[in-house]
Amino acid sequence: MHDTPSVTLNGRLTPLRVHPCDSLADALRDTLDMTATRIGCNEGICGACTVLLDGRSVRACMTLAGQADGCRVETVEGFATSPTRRLLQQAFVEQFAAQCGFCTSGMLAVAAEFLEDPTVGDHTDEALILERLNAVMCRCTGYRNIVAAIVQTARQQQEQGASNE
């Protein structure tokens, strides 16, 4: 038996032909070639598979593809359409925030959610950033450069906001 849910994937309405037991991660990687979505532990622990579902970070390995029916799914492949997310990707490059790169797409998704969260008082608060980054494990960086990239992006957002006033 197959379902045909449809999602808005990176801004485009996209039907998915999936088995009811397929994870969103498998559907993204195997059906839609969104290979930046990494599958690490396949148990929802490492966070490498994190994507945005209606603007909220979810573990794609623990989300059934059918649960995304009618939702907005955003992967790193679609980040170029957002000014904040473009700045974030550039900051990751400038701050050398990715080493092996395996967790990077999950880190970017969690960081984008954090930077776009209007309930966060100070997007440059390193303690808040580290609290959010707990959702994704990185064995390479020690998080210092990732935090620096997020702070850089938050400051650029503040500067752009001030110049638009």
C-alpha atoms as a PDB file:
ATOM      1  CA  MET A   1       0.000   0.000   0.000  1.00  0.00           C
ATOM      2  CA  HIS A   2       1.271   3.489  -0.851  1.00  0.00           C
ATOM      3  CA  ASP A   3       0.084   6.913   0.163  1.00  0.00           C
ATOM      4  CA  THR A   4       0.612   9.985  -1.928  1.00  0.00           C
ATOM      5  CA  PRO A   5       0.980  12.858   0.480  1.00  0.00           C
ATOM      6  CA  SER A   6       2.048  16.188  -0.891  1.00  0.00           C
ATOM      7  CA  VAL A   7       4.345  18.643   0.802  1.00  0.00           C
ATOM      8  CA  THR A   8       5.609  22.062  -0.053  1.00  0.00           C
ATOM      9  CA  LEU A   9       9.281  21.199  -0.312  1.00  0.00           C
ATOM     10  CA  ASN A  10      11.568  24.230  -0.327  1.00  0.00           C
ATOM     11  CA  GLY A  11       8.750  26.347  -1.723  1.00  0.00           C
ATOM     12  CA  ARG A  12       7.437  23.904  -4.361  1.00  0.00           C
ATOM     13  CA  LEU A  13       4.351  21.724  -4.049  1.00  0.00           C
ATOM     14  CA  THR A  14       5.706  18.182  -4.298  1.00  0.00           C
ATOM     15  CA  PRO A  15       3.835  14.868  -4.250  1.00  0.00           C
ATOM     16  CA  LEU A  16       5.536  11.994  -2.445  1.00  0.00           C
ATOM     17  CA  ARG A  17       5.007   8.380  -3.354  1.00  0.00           C
ATOM     18  CA  VAL A  18       5.837   6.656  -0.100  1.00  0.00           C
ATOM     19  CA  HIS A  19       5.018   3.592   1.937  1.00  0.00           C
ATOM     20  CA  PRO A  20       3.147   4.416   5.178  1.00  0.00           C
ATOM     21  CA  CYS A  21       6.195   3.306   7.189  1.00  0.00           C
ATOM     22  CA  ASP A  22       8.739   5.454   5.294  1.00  0.00           C
ATOM     23  CA  SER A  23      10.439   8.093   7.362  1.00  0.00           C
ATOM     24  CA  LEU A  24      10.565  11.652   6.153  1.00  0.00           C
ATOM     25  CA  ALA A  25      14.372  11.323   6.009  1.00  0.00           C
ATOM     26  CA  ASP A  26      14.156   8.318   3.693  1.00  0.00           C
ATOM     27  CA  ALA A  27      11.553  10.021   1.514  1.00  0.00           C
ATOM     28  CA  LEU A  28      13.658  13.177   1.246  1.00  0.00           C
ATOM     29  CA  ARG A  29      16.871  11.317   0.450  1.00  0.00           C
ATOM     30  CA  ASP A  30      15.627   8.377  -1.624  1.00  0.00           C
ATOM     31  CA  THR A  31      12.601   9.842  -3.397  1.00  0.00           C
ATOM     32  CA  LEU A  32      13.462  13.528  -3.733  1.00  0.00           C
ATOM     33  CA  ASP A  33      17.287  13.472  -3.792  1.00  0.00           C
ATOM     34  CA  MET A  34      17.558  15.897  -0.864  1.00  0.00           C
ATOM     35  CA  THR A  35      20.797  14.281   0.235  1.00  0.00           C
ATOM     36  CA  ALA A  36      21.895  17.071   2.574  1.00  0.00           C
ATOM     37  CA  THR A  37      19.467  15.482   5.023  1.00  0.00           C
ATOM     38  CA  ARG A  38      21.798  13.027   6.731  1.00  0.00           C
ATOM     39  CA  ILE A  39      20.779   9.874   8.535  1.00  0.00           C
ATOM     40  CA  GLY A  40      23.092   9.336  11.477  1.00  0.00           C
ATOM     41  CA  CYS A  41      21.702   7.269  14.314  1.00  0.00           C
ATOM     42  CA  ASN A  42      18.228   6.620  12.843  1.00  0.00           C
ATOM     43  CA  GLU A  43      16.907   6.913  16.402  1.00  0.00           C
ATOM     44  CA  GLY A  44      16.350  10.675  16.739  1.00  0.00           C
ATOM     45  CA  ILE A  45      19.318  11.157  19.032  1.00  0.00           C
ATOM     46  CA  CYS A  46      22.065  12.727  16.901  1.00  0.00           C
ATOM     47  CA  GLY A  47      19.949  15.350  15.086  1.00  0.00           C
ATOM     48  CA  ALA A  48      21.870  15.128  11.807  1.00  0.00           C
ATOM     49  CA  CYS A  49      18.575  14.522   9.976  1.00  0.00           C
ATOM     50  CA  THR A  50      16.921  17.680  11.329  1.00  0.00           C
ATOM     51  CA  VAL A  51      14.767  19.602   8.843  1.00  0.00           C
ATOM     52  CA  LEU A  52      12.172  22.324   9.274  1.00  0.00           C
ATOM     53  CA  LEU A  53       8.526  21.258   9.193  1.00  0.00           C
ATOM     54  CA  ASP A  54       6.241  24.288   9.108  1.00  0.00           C
ATOM     55  CA  GLY A  55       9.155  26.312  10.488  1.00  0.00           C
ATOM     56  CA  ARG A  56       9.872  23.995  13.428  1.00  0.00           C
ATOM     57  CA  SER A  57      12.837  21.656  13.627  1.00  0.00           C
ATOM     58  CA  VAL A  58      12.004  17.950  13.540  1.00  0.00           C
ATOM     59  CA  ARG A  59      14.043  14.781  13.392  1.00  0.00           C
ATOM     60  CA  ALA A  60      13.261  13.531   9.894  1.00  0.00           C
ATOM     61  CA  CYS A  61      14.317   9.979  10.809  1.00  0.00           C
ATOM     62  CA  MET A  62      11.597   9.859  13.473  1.00  0.00           C
ATOM     63  CA  THR A  63       8.878  11.593  11.444  1.00  0.00           C
ATOM     64  CA  LEU A  64       6.786   9.523   9.077  1.00  0.00           C
ATOM     65  CA  ALA A  65       6.625  11.005   5.591  1.00  0.00           C
ATOM     66  CA  GLY A  66       2.820  10.832   5.743  1.00  0.00           C
ATOM     67  CA  GLN A  67       2.857  13.087   8.818  1.00  0.00           C
ATOM     68  CA  ALA A  68       4.242  15.854   6.614  1.00  0.00           C
ATOM     69  CA  ASP A  69       1.210  15.752   4.292  1.00  0.00           C
ATOM     70  CA  GLY A  70       0.123  19.328   3.609  1.00  0.00           C
ATOM     71  CA  CYS A  71       3.093  20.785   5.478  1.00  0.00           C
ATOM     72  CA  ARG A  72       5.993  23.017   4.502  1.00  0.00           C
ATOM     73  CA  VAL A  73       9.234  21.027   4.539  1.00  0.00           C
ATOM     74  CA  GLU A  74      12.480  22.959   4.325  1.00  0.00           C
ATOM     75  CA  THR A  75      15.869  21.368   3.809  1.00  0.00           C
ATOM     76  CA  VAL A  76      19.269  23.001   3.448  1.00  0.00           C
ATOM     77  CA  GLU A  77      18.908  22.717  -0.333  1.00  0.00           C
ATOM     78  CA  GLY A  78      16.205  25.403  -0.142  1.00  0.00           C
ATOM     79  CA  PHE A  79      17.926  27.794   2.254  1.00  0.00           C
ATOM     80  CA  ALA A  80      19.163  30.109  -0.531  1.00  0.00           C
ATOM     81  CA  THR A  81      15.655  31.562  -0.889  1.00  0.00           C
ATOM     82  CA  SER A  82      15.775  33.132   2.589  1.00  0.00           C
ATOM     83  CA  PRO A  83      17.981  36.166   3.330  1.00  0.00           C
ATOM     84  CA  THR A  84      18.590  35.035   6.938  1.00  0.00           C
ATOM     85  CA  ARG A  85      19.444  31.512   5.900  1.00  0.00           C
ATOM     86  CA  ARG A  86      21.802  32.721   3.166  1.00  0.00           C
ATOM     87  CA  LEU A  87      23.583  34.869   5.763  1.00  0.00           C
ATOM     88  CA  LEU A  88      23.735  31.851   8.080  1.00  0.00           C
ATOM     89  CA  GLN A  89      25.256  29.612   5.419  1.00  0.00           C
ATOM     90  CA  GLN A  90      27.825  32.290   4.576  1.00  0.00           C
ATOM     91  CA  ALA A  91      28.666  32.729   8.251  1.00  0.00           C
ATOM     92  CA  PHE A  92      29.235  28.972   8.568  1.00  0.00           C
ATOM     93  CA  VAL A  93      31.765  29.251   5.737  1.00  0.00           C
ATOM     94  CA  GLU A  94      33.448  32.379   7.118  1.00  0.00           C
ATOM     95  CA  GLN A  95      33.673  30.988  10.671  1.00  0.00           C
ATOM     96  CA  PHE A  96      34.823  27.523   9.557  1.00  0.00           C
ATOM     97  CA  ALA A  97      31.797  26.099  11.394  1.00  0.00           C
ATOM     98  CA  ALA A  98      31.707  22.840   9.440  1.00  0.00           C
ATOM     99  CA  GLN A  99      34.465  20.312   9.650  1.00  0.00           C
ATOM    100  CA  CYS A 100      33.435  16.867   8.455  1.00  0.00           C
ATOM    101  CA  GLY A 101      30.059  18.324   7.415  1.00  0.00           C
ATOM    102  CA  PHE A 102      27.922  15.398   8.536  1.00  0.00           C
ATOM    103  CA  CYS A 103      25.901  17.353  11.124  1.00  0.00           C
ATOM    104  CA  THR A 104      25.975  20.654   9.245  1.00  0.00           C
ATOM    105  CA  SER A 105      22.525  20.457   7.650  1.00  0.00           C
ATOM    106  CA  GLY A 106      20.969  19.648  11.032  1.00  0.00           C
ATOM    107  CA  MET A 107      22.928  22.463  12.688  1.00  0.00           C
ATOM    108  CA  LEU A 108      21.812  24.911   9.999  1.00  0.00           C
ATOM    109  CA  ALA A 109      18.159  23.900  10.444  1.00  0.00           C
ATOM    110  CA  VAL A 110      18.296  24.312  14.225  1.00  0.00           C
ATOM    111  CA  ALA A 111      20.185  27.614  13.892  1.00  0.00           C
ATOM    112  CA  ALA A 112      17.684  28.946  11.328  1.00  0.00           C
ATOM    113  CA  GLU A 113      14.797  28.061  13.637  1.00  0.00           C
ATOM    114  CA  PHE A 114      16.584  29.838  16.504  1.00  0.00           C
ATOM    115  CA  LEU A 115      17.367  32.971  14.473  1.00  0.00           C
ATOM    116  CA  GLU A 116      13.800  33.188  13.155  1.00  0.00           C
ATOM    117  CA  ASP A 117      12.185  32.637  16.568  1.00  0.00           C
ATOM    118  CA  PRO A 118      10.576  35.944  17.616  1.00  0.00           C
ATOM    119  CA  THR A 119      10.294  34.772  21.248  1.00  0.00           C
ATOM    120  CA  VAL A 120      14.083  34.741  21.685  1.00  0.00           C
ATOM    121  CA  GLY A 121      15.131  37.932  23.400  1.00  0.00           C
ATOM    122  CA  ASP A 122      18.779  38.048  22.365  1.00  0.00           C
ATOM    123  CA  HIS A 123      19.826  36.002  19.352  1.00  0.00           C
ATOM    124  CA  THR A 124      23.495  36.703  20.203  1.00  0.00           C
ATOM    125  CA  ASP A 125      23.255  35.090  23.663  1.00  0.00           C
ATOM    126  CA  GLU A 126      25.750  32.233  23.491  1.00  0.00           C
ATOM    127  CA  ALA A 127      24.113  30.307  26.339  1.00  0.00           C
ATOM    128  CA  LEU A 128      20.785  30.327  24.484  1.00  0.00           C
ATOM    129  CA  ILE A 129      22.502  29.283  21.273  1.00  0.00           C
ATOM    130  CA  LEU A 130      24.253  26.366  22.988  1.00  0.00           C
ATOM    131  CA  GLU A 131      20.964  25.308  24.570  1.00  0.00           C
ATOM    132  CA  ARG A 132      19.351  25.098  21.115  1.00  0.00           C
ATOM    133  CA  LEU A 133      22.380  23.396  19.586  1.00  0.00           C
ATOM    134  CA  ASN A 134      21.997  20.549  22.085  1.00  0.00           C
ATOM    135  CA  ALA A 135      19.519  19.170  19.551  1.00  0.00           C
ATOM    136  CA  VAL A 136      22.341  18.202  17.166  1.00  0.00           C
ATOM    137  CA  MET A 137      25.521  16.335  18.063  1.00  0.00           C
ATOM    138  CA  CYS A 138      28.822  17.330  16.503  1.00  0.00           C
ATOM    139  CA  ARG A 139      31.892  15.262  17.215  1.00  0.00           C
ATOM    140  CA  CYS A 140      34.339  17.497  15.359  1.00  0.00           C
ATOM    141  CA  THR A 141      34.045  21.157  16.278  1.00  0.00           C
ATOM    142  CA  GLY A 142      33.445  21.698  19.956  1.00  0.00           C
ATOM    143  CA  TYR A 143      30.683  24.121  18.816  1.00  0.00           C
ATOM    144  CA  ARG A 144      32.795  27.297  19.221  1.00  0.00           C
ATOM    145  CA  ASN A 145      32.816  28.122  15.487  1.00  0.00           C
ATOM    146  CA  ILE A 146      29.165  27.145  15.071  1.00  0.00           C
ATOM    147  CA  VAL A 147      28.181  29.532  17.863  1.00  0.00           C
ATOM    148  CA  ALA A 148      30.349  32.253  16.288  1.00  0.00           C
ATOM    149  CA  ALA A 149      28.565  31.763  12.959  1.00  0.00           C
ATOM    150  CA  ILE A 150      25.151  32.107  14.588  1.00  0.00           C
ATOM    151  CA  VAL A 151      26.225  35.205  16.537  1.00  0.00           C
ATOM    152  CA  GLN A 152      27.637  36.703  13.320  1.00  0.00           C
ATOM    153  CA  THR A 153      24.330  36.095  11.542  1.00  0.00           C
ATOM    154  CA  ALA A 154      22.307  37.561  14.411  1.00  0.00           C
ATOM    155  CA  ARG A 155      24.451  40.697  14.402  1.00  0.00           C
ATOM    156  CA  GLN A 156      24.087  41.046  10.637  1.00  0.00           C
ATOM    157  CA  GLN A 157      20.327  40.738  11.037  1.00  0.00           C
ATOM    158  CA  GLN A 158      20.386  43.446  13.726  1.00  0.00           C
ATOM    159  CA  GLU A 159      22.450  45.726  11.466  1.00  0.00           C
ATOM    160  CA  GLN A 160      20.119  45.179   8.539  1.00  0.00           C
ATOM    161  CA  GLY A 161      17.097  45.819  10.756  1.00  0.00           C
ATOM    162  CA  ALA A 162      18.638  49.053  12.039  1.00  0.00           C
ATOM    163  CA  SER A 163      19.430  50.225   8.524  1.00  0.00           C
ATOM    164  CA  ASN A 164      15.837  49.520   7.401  1.00  0.00           C
ATOM    165  CA  GLU A 165      14.377  51.741  10.136  1.00  0.00           C
END
